[in-house]
PDB file of N, CA and C in Angstrom:
ATOM      1  N   MET A   1       0.849  -1.187   0.000  1.00  0.00           N
ATOM      2  CA  MET A   1       0.000   0.000   0.000  1.00  0.00           C
ATOM      3  C   MET A   1       0.896   1.252   0.000  1.00  0.00           C
ATOM      4  N   PRO A   2       0.677   2.193  -0.921  1.00  0.00           N
ATOM      5  CA  PRO A   2       1.544   3.374  -0.968  1.00  0.00           C
ATOM      6  C   PRO A   2       1.314   4.284   0.234  1.00  0.00           C
ATOM      7  N   SER A   3       2.390   4.944   0.651  1.00  0.00           N
ATOM      8  CA  SER A   3       2.257   5.874   1.772  1.00  0.00           C
ATOM      9  C   SER A   3       1.483   7.114   1.318  1.00  0.00           C
ATOM     10  N   GLU A   4       1.095   7.922   2.284  1.00  0.00           N
ATOM     11  CA  GLU A   4       0.295   9.121   1.993  1.00  0.00           C
ATOM     12  C   GLU A   4       1.054  10.094   1.092  1.00  0.00           C
ATOM     13  N   THR A   5       2.354  10.236   1.323  1.00  0.00           N
ATOM     14  CA  THR A   5       3.138  11.168   0.507  1.00  0.00           C
ATOM     15  C   THR A   5       3.317  10.664  -0.913  1.00  0.00           C
ATOM     16  N   GLN A   6       3.375   9.362  -1.099  1.00  0.00           N
ATOM     17  CA  GLN A   6       3.521   8.807  -2.439  1.00  0.00           C
ATOM     18  C   GLN A   6       2.230   8.889  -3.226  1.00  0.00           C
ATOM     19  N   SER A   7       1.090   8.813  -2.546  1.00  0.00           N
ATOM     20  CA  SER A   7      -0.191   8.803  -3.250  1.00  0.00           C
ATOM     21  C   SER A   7      -0.587  10.202  -3.742  1.00  0.00           C
ATOM     22  N   LYS A   8      -0.012  11.241  -3.149  1.00  0.00           N
ATOM     23  CA  LYS A   8      -0.333  12.606  -3.567  1.00  0.00           C
ATOM     24  C   LYS A   8       0.554  13.001  -4.740  1.00  0.00           C
ATOM     25  N   ALA A   9      -0.058  13.415  -5.826  1.00  0.00           N
ATOM     26  CA  ALA A   9       0.709  13.888  -6.978  1.00  0.00           C
ATOM     27  C   ALA A   9       1.092  15.339  -6.748  1.00  0.00           C
ATOM     28  N   LYS A  10       2.302  15.692  -7.129  1.00  0.00           N
ATOM     29  CA  LYS A  10       2.736  17.080  -6.966  1.00  0.00           C
ATOM     30  C   LYS A  10       2.088  17.938  -8.038  1.00  0.00           C
ATOM     31  N   SER A  11       1.571  19.063  -7.610  1.00  0.00           N
ATOM     32  CA  SER A  11       0.917  19.990  -8.523  1.00  0.00           C
ATOM     33  C   SER A  11       1.974  20.851  -9.208  1.00  0.00           C
ATOM     34  N   PRO A  12       1.855  21.115 -10.517  1.00  0.00           N
ATOM     35  CA  PRO A  12       2.829  21.959 -11.196  1.00  0.00           C
ATOM     36  C   PRO A  12       2.610  23.446 -10.932  1.00  0.00           C
ATOM     37  N   PHE A  13       1.583  23.797 -10.176  1.00  0.00           N
ATOM     38  CA  PHE A  13       1.241  25.192  -9.916  1.00  0.00           C
ATOM     39  C   PHE A  13       1.837  25.654  -8.599  1.00  0.00           C
ATOM     40  N   LEU A  14       1.927  26.973  -8.448  1.00  0.00           N
ATOM     41  CA  LEU A  14       2.376  27.537  -7.180  1.00  0.00           C
ATOM     42  C   LEU A  14       1.327  27.268  -6.118  1.00  0.00           C
ATOM     43  N   GLN A  15       1.779  26.964  -4.924  1.00  0.00           N
ATOM     44  CA  GLN A  15       0.841  26.734  -3.831  1.00  0.00           C
ATOM     45  C   GLN A  15       1.206  27.646  -2.676  1.00  0.00           C
ATOM     46  N   PHE A  16       0.199  28.306  -2.123  1.00  0.00           N
ATOM     47  CA  PHE A  16       0.380  29.159  -0.959  1.00  0.00           C
ATOM     48  C   PHE A  16      -0.354  28.539   0.210  1.00  0.00           C
ATOM     49  N   SER A  17      -0.030  29.012   1.392  1.00  0.00           N
ATOM     50  CA  SER A  17      -0.674  28.484   2.581  1.00  0.00           C
ATOM     51  C   SER A  17      -2.112  28.982   2.712  1.00  0.00           C
ATOM     52  N   SER A  18      -2.480  30.022   1.987  1.00  0.00           N
ATOM     53  CA  SER A  18      -3.844  30.544   2.049  1.00  0.00           C
ATOM     54  C   SER A  18      -4.668  29.994   0.885  1.00  0.00           C
ATOM     55  N   ALA A  19      -5.972  30.072   1.007  1.00  0.00           N
ATOM     56  CA  ALA A  19      -6.881  29.521   0.005  1.00  0.00           C
ATOM     57  C   ALA A  19      -6.793  30.287  -1.312  1.00  0.00           C
ATOM     58  N   ALA A  20      -7.015  29.567  -2.397  1.00  0.00           N
ATOM     59  CA  ALA A  20      -7.003  30.193  -3.725  1.00  0.00           C
ATOM     60  C   ALA A  20      -8.154  31.184  -3.828  1.00  0.00           C
ATOM     61  N   GLY A  21      -7.873  32.349  -4.367  1.00  0.00           N
ATOM     62  CA  GLY A  21      -8.907  33.371  -4.531  1.00  0.00           C
ATOM     63  C   GLY A  21      -9.074  34.288  -3.331  1.00  0.00           C
ATOM     64  N   SER A  22      -8.374  34.004  -2.246  1.00  0.00           N
ATOM     65  CA  SER A  22      -8.491  34.867  -1.069  1.00  0.00           C
ATOM     66  C   SER A  22      -7.682  36.141  -1.285  1.00  0.00           C
ATOM     67  N   PRO A  23      -8.013  37.216  -0.574  1.00  0.00           N
ATOM     68  CA  PRO A  23      -7.261  38.469  -0.727  1.00  0.00           C
ATOM     69  C   PRO A  23      -5.762  38.295  -0.442  1.00  0.00           C
ATOM     70  N   GLU A  24      -5.437  37.456   0.528  1.00  0.00           N
ATOM     71  CA  GLU A  24      -4.033  37.229   0.867  1.00  0.00           C
ATOM     72  C   GLU A  24      -3.294  36.567  -0.300  1.00  0.00           C
ATOM     73  N   THR A  25      -3.914  35.595  -0.931  1.00  0.00           N
ATOM     74  CA  THR A  25      -3.296  34.922  -2.073  1.00  0.00           C
ATOM     75  C   THR A  25      -3.148  35.878  -3.243  1.00  0.00           C
ATOM     76  N   LYS A  26      -4.133  36.726  -3.457  1.00  0.00           N
ATOM     77  CA  LYS A  26      -4.049  37.703  -4.545  1.00  0.00           C
ATOM     78  C   LYS A  26      -2.889  38.659  -4.316  1.00  0.00           C
ATOM     79  N   ARG A  27      -2.679  39.086  -3.058  1.00  0.00           N
ATOM     80  CA  ARG A  27      -1.541  39.965  -2.736  1.00  0.00           C
ATOM     81  C   ARG A  27      -0.219  39.246  -2.979  1.00  0.00           C
ATOM     82  N   LYS A  28      -0.162  37.975  -2.592  1.00  0.00           N
ATOM     83  CA  LYS A  28       1.068  37.210  -2.789  1.00  0.00           C
ATOM     84  C   LYS A  28       1.371  37.047  -4.273  1.00  0.00           C
ATOM     85  N   MET A  29       0.353  36.779  -5.071  1.00  0.00           N
ATOM     86  CA  MET A  29       0.561  36.624  -6.507  1.00  0.00           C
ATOM     87  C   MET A  29       0.986  37.945  -7.140  1.00  0.00           C
ATOM     88  N   LEU A  30       0.398  39.050  -6.698  1.00  0.00           N
ATOM     89  CA  LEU A  30       0.773  40.366  -7.210  1.00  0.00           C
ATOM     90  C   LEU A  30       2.232  40.663  -6.872  1.00  0.00           C
ATOM     91  N   LEU A  31       2.632  40.371  -5.645  1.00  0.00           N
ATOM     92  CA  LEU A  31       4.013  40.581  -5.233  1.00  0.00           C
ATOM     93  C   LEU A  31       4.952  39.696  -6.055  1.00  0.00           C
ATOM     94  N   PHE A  32       4.579  38.441  -6.250  1.00  0.00           N
ATOM     95  CA  PHE A  32       5.392  37.529  -7.044  1.00  0.00           C
ATOM     96  C   PHE A  32       5.562  38.050  -8.462  1.00  0.00           C
ATOM     97  N   ARG A  33       4.484  38.506  -9.070  1.00  0.00           N
ATOM     98  CA  ARG A  33       4.555  39.038 -10.437  1.00  0.00           C
ATOM     99  C   ARG A  33       5.452  40.266 -10.507  1.00  0.00           C
ATOM    100  N   GLN A  34       5.334  41.165  -9.514  1.00  0.00           N
ATOM    101  CA  GLN A  34       6.160  42.373  -9.488  1.00  0.00           C
ATOM    102  C   GLN A  34       7.638  42.023  -9.363  1.00  0.00           C
ATOM    103  N   LEU A  35       7.944  41.081  -8.466  1.00  0.00           N
ATOM    104  CA  LEU A  35       9.336  40.689  -8.269  1.00  0.00           C
ATOM    105  C   LEU A  35       9.891  39.993  -9.506  1.00  0.00           C
ATOM    106  N   LEU A  36       9.084  39.142 -10.126  1.00  0.00           N
ATOM    107  CA  LEU A  36       9.514  38.447 -11.330  1.00  0.00           C
ATOM    108  C   LEU A  36       9.757  39.433 -12.471  1.00  0.00           C
ATOM    109  N   LYS A  37       8.859  40.395 -12.638  1.00  0.00           N
ATOM    110  CA  LYS A  37       9.015  41.402 -13.694  1.00  0.00           C
ATOM    111  C   LYS A  37      10.277  42.223 -13.459  1.00  0.00           C
ATOM    112  N   ARG A  38      10.518  42.606 -12.208  1.00  0.00           N
ATOM    113  CA  ARG A  38      11.713  43.391 -11.877  1.00  0.00           C
ATOM    114  C   ARG A  38      12.984  42.602 -12.202  1.00  0.00           C
ATOM    115  N   GLU A  39      12.976  41.313 -11.874  1.00  0.00           N
ATOM    116  CA  GLU A  39      14.141  40.479 -12.144  1.00  0.00           C
ATOM    117  C   GLU A  39      14.356  40.294 -13.643  1.00  0.00           C
ATOM    118  N   ILE A  40      13.287  40.079 -14.406  1.00  0.00           N
ATOM    119  CA  ILE A  40      13.400  39.928 -15.857  1.00  0.00           C
ATOM    120  C   ILE A  40      13.889  41.222 -16.486  1.00  0.00           C
ATOM    121  N   ASP A  41      13.338  42.357 -16.046  1.00  0.00           N
ATOM    122  CA  ASP A  41      13.783  43.655 -16.567  1.00  0.00           C
ATOM    123  C   ASP A  41      15.272  43.865 -16.298  1.00  0.00           C
ATOM    124  N   ARG A  42      15.719  43.495 -15.102  1.00  0.00           N
ATOM    125  CA  ARG A  42      17.126  43.655 -14.746  1.00  0.00           C
ATOM    126  C   ARG A  42      18.007  42.772 -15.632  1.00  0.00           C
ATOM    127  N   ASP A  43      17.559  41.548 -15.888  1.00  0.00           N
ATOM    128  CA  ASP A  43      18.338  40.632 -16.717  1.00  0.00           C
ATOM    129  C   ASP A  43      18.374  41.064 -18.177  1.00  0.00           C
ATOM    130  N   MET A  44      17.373  41.771 -18.641  1.00  0.00           N
ATOM    131  CA  MET A  44      17.310  42.181 -20.043  1.00  0.00           C
ATOM    132  C   MET A  44      18.119  43.447 -20.312  1.00  0.00           C
ATOM    133  N   ARG A  45      18.419  44.225 -19.279  1.00  0.00           N
ATOM    134  CA  ARG A  45      19.191  45.448 -19.450  1.00  0.00           C
ATOM    135  C   ARG A  45      20.617  45.120 -19.861  1.00  0.00           C
ATOM    136  N   PRO A  46      21.188  45.904 -20.777  1.00  0.00           N
ATOM    137  CA  PRO A  46      22.588  45.648 -21.143  1.00  0.00           C
ATOM    138  C   PRO A  46      23.500  45.924 -19.955  1.00  0.00           C
ATOM    139  N   ARG A  47      24.502  45.118 -19.830  1.00  0.00           N
ATOM    140  CA  ARG A  47      25.442  45.280 -18.726  1.00  0.00           C
ATOM    141  C   ARG A  47      26.352  46.476 -18.993  1.00  0.00           C
ATOM    142  N   LYS A  48      26.618  47.237 -17.951  1.00  0.00           N
ATOM    143  CA  LYS A  48      27.513  48.384 -18.071  1.00  0.00           C
ATOM    144  C   LYS A  48      28.945  47.923 -17.845  1.00  0.00           C
ATOM    145  N   ALA A  49      29.841  48.480 -18.618  1.00  0.00           N
ATOM    146  CA  ALA A  49      31.252  48.154 -18.455  1.00  0.00           C
ATOM    147  C   ALA A  49      31.760  48.796 -17.172  1.00  0.00           C
ATOM    148  N   VAL A  50      32.543  48.056 -16.446  1.00  0.00           N
ATOM    149  CA  VAL A  50      33.105  48.559 -15.196  1.00  0.00           C
ATOM    150  C   VAL A  50      34.542  48.967 -15.470  1.00  0.00           C
ATOM    151  N   HIS A  51      34.866  50.215 -15.149  1.00  0.00           N
ATOM    152  CA  HIS A  51      36.212  50.731 -15.346  1.00  0.00           C
ATOM    153  C   HIS A  51      36.891  50.833 -13.981  1.00  0.00           C
ATOM    154  N   VAL A  52      38.039  50.206 -13.883  1.00  0.00           N
ATOM    155  CA  VAL A  52      38.791  50.221 -12.632  1.00  0.00           C
ATOM    156  C   VAL A  52      39.929  51.207 -12.773  1.00  0.00           C
ATOM    157  N   ARG A  53      39.977  52.124 -11.829  1.00  0.00           N
ATOM    158  CA  ARG A  53      41.040  53.131 -11.851  1.00  0.00           C
ATOM    159  C   ARG A  53      42.068  52.769 -10.789  1.00  0.00           C
ATOM    160  N   ARG A  54      43.294  52.667 -11.194  1.00  0.00           N
ATOM    161  CA  ARG A  54      44.354  52.293 -10.241  1.00  0.00           C
ATOM    162  C   ARG A  54      44.856  53.557  -9.557  1.00  0.00           C
ATOM    163  N   LEU A  55      45.030  53.433  -8.276  1.00  0.00           N
ATOM    164  CA  LEU A  55      45.578  54.547  -7.532  1.00  0.00           C
ATOM    165  C   LEU A  55      47.089  54.566  -7.720  1.00  0.00           C
ATOM    166  N   SER A  56      47.643  55.748  -7.950  1.00  0.00           N
ATOM    167  CA  SER A  56      49.104  55.841  -8.116  1.00  0.00           C
ATOM    168  C   SER A  56      49.762  55.656  -6.764  1.00  0.00           C
ATOM    169  N   GLU A  57      50.943  55.049  -6.794  1.00  0.00           N
ATOM    170  CA  GLU A  57      51.681  54.821  -5.541  1.00  0.00           C
ATOM    171  C   GLU A  57      52.289  56.129  -5.073  1.00  0.00           C
ATOM    172  N   PHE A  58      52.359  56.272  -3.775  1.00  0.00           N
ATOM    173  CA  PHE A  58      52.912  57.494  -3.192  1.00  0.00           C
ATOM    174  C   PHE A  58      54.377  57.429  -3.058  1.00  0.00           C
TER     175      PHE A  58
END
């Protein structure tokens, strides 16, 4: 007989501790979308060249 953890199939969707459709879940999803968009925007920006200036010896 399979154990309880083996009988449950893992869902491919995000799961929160609050019920689906609740105001708390909607806030969490909004925050997730904002953070994901910010990260994607950051990754899409061209990288700036870093110039290192050496200090002259005294």
